[in-house]
């Protein structure tokens, strides 16, 4: 284990465990300069997208995927 605090976790439809570390959420995802600060209040929607996406596609990095969801509530 890395000793890094886990903020949340879910699994893909294939049963792959997906872990979101607290520092990744705060320092990468919510970084207003290069991240997606608009996602701050949407953690559950992000996890729901990973566990039940409408579309999946390969990412540019090996062994990674991108997950997409339509009609996600914004409030």
N, C-alpha and C. Protein backbone atom coordinates (compact mmCIF):
# COMPACT_ATOMS: atom_id res chain seq x y z
N UNK A 1 0.83 -1.19 0.00
CA UNK A 1 0.00 0.00 0.00
C UNK A 1 0.87 1.25 0.00
N UNK A 2 0.32 2.32 -0.51
CA UNK A 2 1.08 3.55 -0.63
C UNK A 2 1.01 4.41 0.61
N UNK A 3 0.04 4.20 1.48
CA UNK A 3 -0.13 5.05 2.63
C UNK A 3 -0.89 6.33 2.31
N UNK A 4 -1.25 6.50 1.07
CA UNK A 4 -2.01 7.69 0.66
C UNK A 4 -3.47 7.49 1.04
N UNK A 5 -4.11 8.50 1.64
CA UNK A 5 -5.52 8.37 1.99
C UNK A 5 -6.41 8.21 0.75
N UNK A 6 -7.32 7.25 0.82
CA UNK A 6 -8.27 7.01 -0.26
C UNK A 6 -9.50 7.87 0.00
N UNK A 7 -9.87 8.68 -0.97
CA UNK A 7 -11.06 9.52 -0.86
C UNK A 7 -12.31 8.71 -1.19
N UNK A 8 -12.22 7.91 -2.26
CA UNK A 8 -13.38 7.13 -2.70
C UNK A 8 -12.90 5.98 -3.57
N UNK A 9 -13.77 4.99 -3.73
CA UNK A 9 -13.46 3.91 -4.66
C UNK A 9 -14.74 3.34 -5.23
N UNK A 10 -14.59 2.74 -6.39
CA UNK A 10 -15.71 2.10 -7.07
C UNK A 10 -15.11 0.97 -7.91
N UNK A 11 -15.91 0.37 -8.75
CA UNK A 11 -15.43 -0.67 -9.65
C UNK A 11 -16.06 -0.47 -11.02
N UNK A 12 -15.33 -0.88 -12.04
CA UNK A 12 -15.89 -0.83 -13.40
C UNK A 12 -16.86 -1.99 -13.57
N UNK A 13 -17.58 -2.00 -14.67
CA UNK A 13 -18.49 -3.12 -14.96
C UNK A 13 -17.76 -4.44 -15.07
N UNK A 14 -16.47 -4.37 -15.38
CA UNK A 14 -15.65 -5.58 -15.49
C UNK A 14 -15.11 -6.02 -14.14
N UNK A 15 -15.44 -5.27 -13.07
CA UNK A 15 -14.99 -5.62 -11.75
C UNK A 15 -13.61 -5.10 -11.38
N UNK A 16 -13.06 -4.19 -12.18
CA UNK A 16 -11.76 -3.61 -11.88
C UNK A 16 -11.94 -2.53 -10.81
N UNK A 17 -11.21 -2.67 -9.72
CA UNK A 17 -11.27 -1.69 -8.63
C UNK A 17 -10.62 -0.39 -9.09
N UNK A 18 -11.32 0.72 -8.86
CA UNK A 18 -10.81 2.05 -9.20
C UNK A 18 -10.76 2.85 -7.90
N UNK A 19 -9.58 3.32 -7.56
CA UNK A 19 -9.36 4.06 -6.32
C UNK A 19 -9.04 5.51 -6.67
N UNK A 20 -9.69 6.43 -5.96
CA UNK A 20 -9.39 7.86 -6.09
C UNK A 20 -8.72 8.30 -4.80
N UNK A 21 -7.46 8.64 -4.91
CA UNK A 21 -6.73 9.11 -3.74
C UNK A 21 -7.09 10.56 -3.45
N UNK A 22 -7.11 10.89 -2.18
CA UNK A 22 -7.46 12.23 -1.75
C UNK A 22 -6.56 13.29 -2.40
N UNK A 23 -5.26 13.03 -2.44
CA UNK A 23 -4.35 14.02 -3.03
C UNK A 23 -4.55 14.16 -4.54
N UNK A 24 -4.94 13.10 -5.21
CA UNK A 24 -5.22 13.19 -6.65
C UNK A 24 -6.43 14.09 -6.89
N UNK A 25 -7.48 13.91 -6.09
CA UNK A 25 -8.68 14.73 -6.23
C UNK A 25 -8.36 16.20 -5.95
N UNK A 26 -7.65 16.47 -4.87
CA UNK A 26 -7.40 17.85 -4.46
C UNK A 26 -6.34 18.55 -5.30
N UNK A 27 -5.25 17.87 -5.60
CA UNK A 27 -4.12 18.52 -6.28
C UNK A 27 -4.12 18.39 -7.79
N UNK A 28 -4.84 17.42 -8.29
CA UNK A 28 -4.86 17.23 -9.75
C UNK A 28 -6.23 17.57 -10.33
N UNK A 29 -7.25 16.85 -9.91
CA UNK A 29 -8.59 17.04 -10.50
C UNK A 29 -9.11 18.44 -10.21
N UNK A 30 -8.99 18.91 -8.98
CA UNK A 30 -9.56 20.21 -8.61
C UNK A 30 -8.61 21.38 -8.81
N UNK A 31 -7.44 21.16 -9.36
CA UNK A 31 -6.48 22.23 -9.60
C UNK A 31 -7.06 23.23 -10.59
N UNK A 32 -7.28 24.49 -10.17
CA UNK A 32 -7.92 25.46 -11.06
C UNK A 32 -7.07 25.84 -12.27
N UNK A 33 -5.77 25.58 -12.23
CA UNK A 33 -4.89 25.93 -13.35
C UNK A 33 -4.88 24.89 -14.45
N UNK A 34 -4.94 23.61 -14.07
CA UNK A 34 -4.80 22.57 -15.08
C UNK A 34 -5.77 21.41 -14.91
N UNK A 35 -6.63 21.49 -13.93
CA UNK A 35 -7.53 20.37 -13.65
C UNK A 35 -8.96 20.68 -14.06
N UNK A 36 -9.88 20.20 -13.25
CA UNK A 36 -11.31 20.34 -13.53
C UNK A 36 -12.02 20.79 -12.26
N UNK A 37 -11.72 22.01 -11.83
CA UNK A 37 -12.27 22.54 -10.58
C UNK A 37 -13.79 22.53 -10.58
N UNK A 38 -14.40 22.54 -11.75
CA UNK A 38 -15.87 22.53 -11.84
C UNK A 38 -16.47 21.21 -11.33
N UNK A 39 -15.64 20.20 -11.15
CA UNK A 39 -16.12 18.90 -10.66
C UNK A 39 -16.20 18.81 -9.14
N UNK A 40 -15.82 19.86 -8.44
CA UNK A 40 -15.70 19.80 -6.98
C UNK A 40 -16.93 19.23 -6.29
N UNK A 41 -18.11 19.62 -6.70
CA UNK A 41 -19.33 19.14 -6.04
C UNK A 41 -19.93 17.91 -6.72
N UNK A 42 -19.17 17.27 -7.60
CA UNK A 42 -19.71 16.17 -8.41
C UNK A 42 -18.96 14.86 -8.23
N UNK A 43 -18.42 14.63 -7.06
CA UNK A 43 -17.66 13.39 -6.82
C UNK A 43 -18.52 12.15 -7.08
N UNK A 44 -19.75 12.14 -6.60
CA UNK A 44 -20.61 10.97 -6.80
C UNK A 44 -20.92 10.74 -8.28
N UNK A 45 -21.07 11.80 -9.04
CA UNK A 45 -21.31 11.66 -10.48
C UNK A 45 -20.07 11.09 -11.18
N UNK A 46 -18.89 11.49 -10.74
CA UNK A 46 -17.65 10.95 -11.30
C UNK A 46 -17.57 9.45 -11.03
N UNK A 47 -17.82 9.06 -9.79
CA UNK A 47 -17.79 7.64 -9.44
C UNK A 47 -18.85 6.85 -10.20
N UNK A 48 -20.03 7.43 -10.36
CA UNK A 48 -21.10 6.79 -11.12
C UNK A 48 -20.75 6.62 -12.58
N UNK A 49 -20.01 7.57 -13.12
CA UNK A 49 -19.57 7.48 -14.51
C UNK A 49 -18.60 6.32 -14.69
N UNK A 50 -17.71 6.13 -13.75
CA UNK A 50 -16.75 5.03 -13.83
C UNK A 50 -17.46 3.68 -13.69
N UNK A 51 -18.41 3.60 -12.78
CA UNK A 51 -19.06 2.31 -12.54
C UNK A 51 -20.13 1.96 -13.57
N UNK A 52 -20.72 2.97 -14.20
CA UNK A 52 -21.78 2.71 -15.20
C UNK A 52 -21.72 3.74 -16.32
N UNK A 53 -20.67 3.71 -17.12
CA UNK A 53 -20.53 4.70 -18.20
C UNK A 53 -21.46 4.43 -19.36
N UNK A 54 -21.74 5.47 -20.11
CA UNK A 54 -22.48 5.31 -21.36
C UNK A 54 -21.53 4.98 -22.51
N UNK A 55 -20.27 5.37 -22.35
CA UNK A 55 -19.28 5.14 -23.40
C UNK A 55 -17.91 5.00 -22.75
N UNK A 56 -17.10 4.11 -23.29
CA UNK A 56 -15.72 3.92 -22.86
C UNK A 56 -14.83 3.94 -24.08
N UNK A 57 -13.63 4.49 -23.91
CA UNK A 57 -12.66 4.45 -25.00
C UNK A 57 -11.25 4.41 -24.42
N UNK A 58 -10.29 3.93 -25.20
CA UNK A 58 -8.91 3.88 -24.71
C UNK A 58 -8.38 5.28 -24.44
N UNK A 59 -7.51 5.39 -23.46
CA UNK A 59 -6.81 6.63 -23.15
C UNK A 59 -5.47 6.61 -23.87
N UNK A 60 -4.77 7.70 -23.88
CA UNK A 60 -3.45 7.75 -24.50
C UNK A 60 -2.39 7.02 -23.73
N UNK A 61 -2.65 6.74 -22.44
CA UNK A 61 -1.71 6.01 -21.60
C UNK A 61 -2.02 4.51 -21.65
N UNK A 62 -1.01 3.67 -21.60
CA UNK A 62 -1.25 2.22 -21.61
C UNK A 62 -2.11 1.79 -20.41
N UNK A 63 -2.96 0.84 -20.65
CA UNK A 63 -3.80 0.23 -19.61
C UNK A 63 -4.73 1.22 -18.92
N UNK A 64 -5.12 2.29 -19.62
CA UNK A 64 -6.07 3.26 -19.06
C UNK A 64 -7.22 3.46 -20.04
N UNK A 65 -8.36 3.85 -19.51
CA UNK A 65 -9.55 4.13 -20.31
C UNK A 65 -10.15 5.46 -19.90
N UNK A 66 -10.97 6.00 -20.79
CA UNK A 66 -11.77 7.19 -20.50
C UNK A 66 -13.22 6.74 -20.41
N UNK A 67 -13.94 7.31 -19.47
CA UNK A 67 -15.33 6.95 -19.22
C UNK A 67 -16.20 8.18 -19.43
N UNK A 68 -17.34 8.00 -20.09
CA UNK A 68 -18.22 9.11 -20.41
C UNK A 68 -19.65 8.78 -20.00
N UNK A 69 -20.39 9.81 -19.61
CA UNK A 69 -21.79 9.66 -19.19
C UNK A 69 -22.59 10.81 -19.78
N UNK A 70 -23.79 10.50 -20.28
CA UNK A 70 -24.71 11.52 -20.79
C UNK A 70 -25.68 11.94 -19.69
N UNK A 71 -26.17 13.14 -19.81
CA UNK A 71 -27.26 13.63 -18.95
C UNK A 71 -26.97 13.50 -17.46
N UNK A 72 -25.79 13.91 -17.05
CA UNK A 72 -25.45 13.89 -15.63
C UNK A 72 -26.03 15.15 -15.00
N UNK A 73 -26.75 15.00 -13.91
CA UNK A 73 -27.29 16.20 -13.25
C UNK A 73 -26.18 17.16 -12.83
N UNK A 74 -26.42 18.44 -13.00
CA UNK A 74 -25.41 19.45 -12.64
C UNK A 74 -25.67 20.05 -11.27
N UNK A 75 -26.70 19.67 -10.62
CA UNK A 75 -27.00 20.22 -9.28
C UNK A 75 -26.94 19.12 -8.26
